[in-house]
């Protein structure tokens, strides 16, 4: 799936979920702003739904999914974004690997 196809798949999922929710563009934007402390306007939501704007960050996708009762991980994948939990886990693994390497170096130097 190329970038344009991912954007379209995310746009379709978002539009379908908002339609199911019965929320207007303004209501969706207002709820996102309350939840995320952001400044999303109804036009941004409309542009995401139409695929006219690059999908938002993974964190914002999680907020959108919470507002519209969607699957954040699925939507992140559709949008070509790494889900936040996965990014955090990878960061934790990278940190643990670095600490381990430093411990090995320290052990070698203290012998």
Foldseek 3Di string as FASTA:
>chain_A
DDQLQLLQVLLCVLVVLCVVQVDQLQRLQVQLCVVVVDRDHSVNSVCSNVSVDQDDALVSLVSSCVSSVHDSCVSCVSSVYHHPVVVVVVVVVVVVVVVVVVVVVVVVVVD
